[in-house]
């Protein structure tokens, strides 16, 4: 639903920026322990759509601790429990659903239950700026940018080392 004045109606209807206030229902996000009750074929398709290349088979061998999933498999957040906090292994929104606010709904769901969370993204990741706004801190390296939220200062070196040691789940050109 978009709310605007009659004087701004044309701008609201025919421009990308609009001139009113957009109201939208939140996405229904479900929490799953591990991969119970998850359609792995649909999850694989979601990851491939979001990253525009298929996930590595090894990704599906490792059982996550928690998966947050949008009801129609248009977005997911996959977390692994570690002694340092929750490691966000994958955060994905399908290409068709990007811009609908599903990412924010996923983040809100995982952040409500994971006060300490950390993750990494390639430097060219298109949502790197959004990640930076969510994070308490980050380290930019040549291959990865490591982000964290709620990590105690003294644990940051261990978080960075752990994150950099993780396998690549969505290989680029076979690497």
Foldseek 3Di string as FASTA:
>chain_A
DWDDDPVQVCVQVPDPVGDTDDDDDAFDKDKDAWCPPPDVVLLQVQVCQFVVFTWDPVVVVDTFGMKIAGPVRQWIWTWHQDPQWIEGEDTTGGPVCPPVCNSVVRCVVVCVPTQKYKYKDAPPPPCPVVQVVVFPDWDDDHGIIIGIGNGPPVCVVVSVVVRVPDDGTGDDPND
